């Protein structure tokens, strides 16, 4: 699944570790999501959308 997390994170000058802390996940999880090696669970996707104040559909799109 394609996503805009890296761009959204960069716009806020957050490191992967910063974002991971805000979402209570590991930095490796953020890296795996950004590199499209891992699709987040629905609860995590909602948490990401909430954090960026966007809809899930605005962050994640089918590959």
N, C-alpha and C. Protein backbone atom coordinates (compact mmCIF):
# COMPACT_ATOMS: atom_id res chain seq x y z
N UNK A 1 0.84 -1.18 0.00
CA UNK A 1 0.00 0.00 0.00
C UNK A 1 0.89 1.25 0.00
N UNK A 2 0.64 2.14 -0.91
CA UNK A 2 1.40 3.39 -0.97
C UNK A 2 0.95 4.33 0.14
N UNK A 3 1.86 5.17 0.59
CA UNK A 3 1.49 6.12 1.63
C UNK A 3 2.34 7.38 1.53
N UNK A 4 1.88 8.44 2.20
CA UNK A 4 2.55 9.74 2.19
C UNK A 4 3.22 10.05 3.53
N UNK A 5 3.45 9.05 4.34
CA UNK A 5 3.95 9.31 5.69
C UNK A 5 5.30 10.01 5.69
N UNK A 6 6.20 9.58 4.83
CA UNK A 6 7.53 10.20 4.81
C UNK A 6 7.43 11.70 4.49
N UNK A 7 6.59 12.05 3.53
CA UNK A 7 6.41 13.45 3.15
C UNK A 7 5.77 14.24 4.29
N UNK A 8 4.72 13.68 4.87
CA UNK A 8 4.03 14.36 5.97
C UNK A 8 4.97 14.55 7.17
N UNK A 9 5.77 13.54 7.43
CA UNK A 9 6.73 13.62 8.54
C UNK A 9 7.78 14.69 8.25
N UNK A 10 8.29 14.72 7.03
CA UNK A 10 9.32 15.69 6.64
C UNK A 10 8.79 17.12 6.71
N UNK A 11 7.51 17.32 6.34
CA UNK A 11 6.91 18.65 6.41
C UNK A 11 6.92 19.21 7.83
N UNK A 12 6.92 18.31 8.79
CA UNK A 12 6.91 18.71 10.20
C UNK A 12 8.30 18.65 10.84
N UNK A 13 9.29 18.30 10.04
CA UNK A 13 10.67 18.16 10.53
C UNK A 13 10.78 17.14 11.66
N UNK A 14 10.01 16.05 11.54
CA UNK A 14 10.06 14.97 12.51
C UNK A 14 10.96 13.87 11.98
N UNK A 15 11.75 13.29 12.84
CA UNK A 15 12.52 12.10 12.47
C UNK A 15 11.59 10.89 12.56
N UNK A 16 12.06 9.76 12.07
CA UNK A 16 11.27 8.54 12.21
C UNK A 16 11.06 8.23 13.69
N UNK A 17 12.08 8.49 14.50
CA UNK A 17 11.98 8.25 15.95
C UNK A 17 10.94 9.17 16.58
N UNK A 18 10.89 10.43 16.14
CA UNK A 18 9.89 11.37 16.66
C UNK A 18 8.48 10.85 16.39
N UNK A 19 8.25 10.44 15.14
CA UNK A 19 6.93 9.95 14.77
C UNK A 19 6.62 8.66 15.53
N UNK A 20 7.59 7.79 15.65
CA UNK A 20 7.39 6.54 16.38
C UNK A 20 6.99 6.81 17.82
N UNK A 21 7.64 7.76 18.46
CA UNK A 21 7.31 8.13 19.84
C UNK A 21 5.87 8.63 19.94
N UNK A 22 5.48 9.47 18.99
CA UNK A 22 4.12 10.03 19.00
C UNK A 22 3.05 8.95 18.80
N UNK A 23 3.42 7.87 18.11
CA UNK A 23 2.47 6.80 17.82
C UNK A 23 2.64 5.58 18.73
N UNK A 24 3.63 5.64 19.61
CA UNK A 24 3.93 4.52 20.52
C UNK A 24 4.25 3.22 19.76
N UNK A 25 5.07 3.37 18.72
CA UNK A 25 5.56 2.22 17.97
C UNK A 25 7.08 2.37 17.84
N UNK A 26 7.74 1.38 17.28
CA UNK A 26 9.19 1.46 17.11
C UNK A 26 9.55 2.26 15.86
N UNK A 27 10.78 2.77 15.83
CA UNK A 27 11.26 3.47 14.65
C UNK A 27 11.28 2.52 13.46
N UNK A 28 11.59 1.25 13.73
CA UNK A 28 11.62 0.24 12.66
C UNK A 28 10.24 0.07 12.03
N UNK A 29 9.19 0.19 12.82
CA UNK A 29 7.82 0.10 12.29
C UNK A 29 7.57 1.25 11.33
N UNK A 30 7.98 2.46 11.71
CA UNK A 30 7.81 3.63 10.84
C UNK A 30 8.58 3.42 9.54
N UNK A 31 9.81 2.95 9.65
CA UNK A 31 10.62 2.70 8.46
C UNK A 31 9.94 1.68 7.55
N UNK A 32 9.42 0.61 8.12
CA UNK A 32 8.78 -0.44 7.32
C UNK A 32 7.52 0.09 6.63
N UNK A 33 6.76 0.94 7.32
CA UNK A 33 5.56 1.52 6.70
C UNK A 33 5.97 2.46 5.56
N UNK A 34 6.96 3.32 5.82
CA UNK A 34 7.39 4.28 4.79
C UNK A 34 7.95 3.59 3.55
N UNK A 35 8.62 2.47 3.73
CA UNK A 35 9.21 1.75 2.60
C UNK A 35 8.25 0.72 2.01
N UNK A 36 7.00 0.76 2.49
CA UNK A 36 5.93 -0.10 1.98
C UNK A 36 6.21 -1.58 2.17
N UNK A 37 6.96 -1.92 3.22
CA UNK A 37 7.22 -3.32 3.55
C UNK A 37 6.23 -3.83 4.58
N UNK A 38 5.44 -2.91 5.15
CA UNK A 38 4.49 -3.27 6.20
C UNK A 38 3.28 -2.35 6.09
N UNK A 39 2.10 -2.93 6.11
CA UNK A 39 0.87 -2.14 6.14
C UNK A 39 0.41 -2.07 7.59
N UNK A 40 0.15 -0.87 8.09
CA UNK A 40 -0.25 -0.75 9.49
C UNK A 40 -1.63 -1.36 9.74
N UNK A 41 -1.84 -1.76 10.97
CA UNK A 41 -3.17 -2.24 11.36
C UNK A 41 -4.15 -1.08 11.23
N UNK A 42 -5.43 -1.39 11.20
CA UNK A 42 -6.44 -0.34 11.09
C UNK A 42 -6.37 0.63 12.29
N UNK A 43 -6.24 0.13 13.52
CA UNK A 43 -6.12 1.07 14.65
C UNK A 43 -4.91 2.00 14.51
N UNK A 44 -3.78 1.47 14.03
CA UNK A 44 -2.59 2.31 13.85
C UNK A 44 -2.81 3.30 12.71
N UNK A 45 -3.46 2.87 11.65
CA UNK A 45 -3.75 3.78 10.54
C UNK A 45 -4.63 4.94 11.01
N UNK A 46 -5.62 4.65 11.86
CA UNK A 46 -6.47 5.72 12.41
C UNK A 46 -5.65 6.65 13.29
N UNK A 47 -4.73 6.09 14.06
CA UNK A 47 -3.87 6.91 14.93
C UNK A 47 -2.99 7.85 14.09
N UNK A 48 -2.46 7.32 12.99
CA UNK A 48 -1.63 8.12 12.08
C UNK A 48 -2.47 9.24 11.47
N UNK A 49 -3.66 8.89 11.00
CA UNK A 49 -4.55 9.89 10.40
C UNK A 49 -4.90 10.98 11.42
N UNK A 50 -5.20 10.59 12.64
CA UNK A 50 -5.50 11.56 13.71
C UNK A 50 -4.33 12.49 13.95
N UNK A 51 -3.14 11.91 14.04
CA UNK A 51 -1.94 12.71 14.31
C UNK A 51 -1.71 13.76 13.24
N UNK A 52 -1.91 13.40 11.98
CA UNK A 52 -1.70 14.34 10.88
C UNK A 52 -2.96 15.14 10.54
N UNK A 53 -4.05 14.89 11.25
CA UNK A 53 -5.33 15.57 11.03
C UNK A 53 -5.79 15.42 9.57
N UNK A 54 -5.68 14.18 9.07
CA UNK A 54 -6.11 13.86 7.71
C UNK A 54 -6.97 12.61 7.73
N UNK A 55 -7.66 12.36 6.63
CA UNK A 55 -8.40 11.11 6.49
C UNK A 55 -7.41 10.00 6.12
N UNK A 56 -7.73 8.79 6.49
CA UNK A 56 -6.87 7.65 6.12
C UNK A 56 -6.65 7.63 4.61
N UNK A 57 -7.72 7.92 3.85
CA UNK A 57 -7.64 7.90 2.38
C UNK A 57 -6.68 8.95 1.84
N UNK A 58 -6.41 10.00 2.62
CA UNK A 58 -5.48 11.04 2.19
C UNK A 58 -4.03 10.65 2.45
N UNK A 59 -3.83 9.60 3.23
CA UNK A 59 -2.48 9.16 3.57
C UNK A 59 -2.12 7.87 2.85
N UNK A 60 -3.06 6.94 2.83
CA UNK A 60 -2.81 5.62 2.25
C UNK A 60 -3.63 5.44 0.98
N UNK A 61 -2.99 4.88 -0.05
CA UNK A 61 -3.69 4.57 -1.30
C UNK A 61 -3.26 3.17 -1.77
N UNK A 62 -4.15 2.47 -2.46
CA UNK A 62 -3.77 1.15 -2.96
C UNK A 62 -2.58 1.25 -3.91
N UNK A 63 -1.76 0.24 -3.90
CA UNK A 63 -0.55 0.23 -4.74
C UNK A 63 -0.87 0.17 -6.21
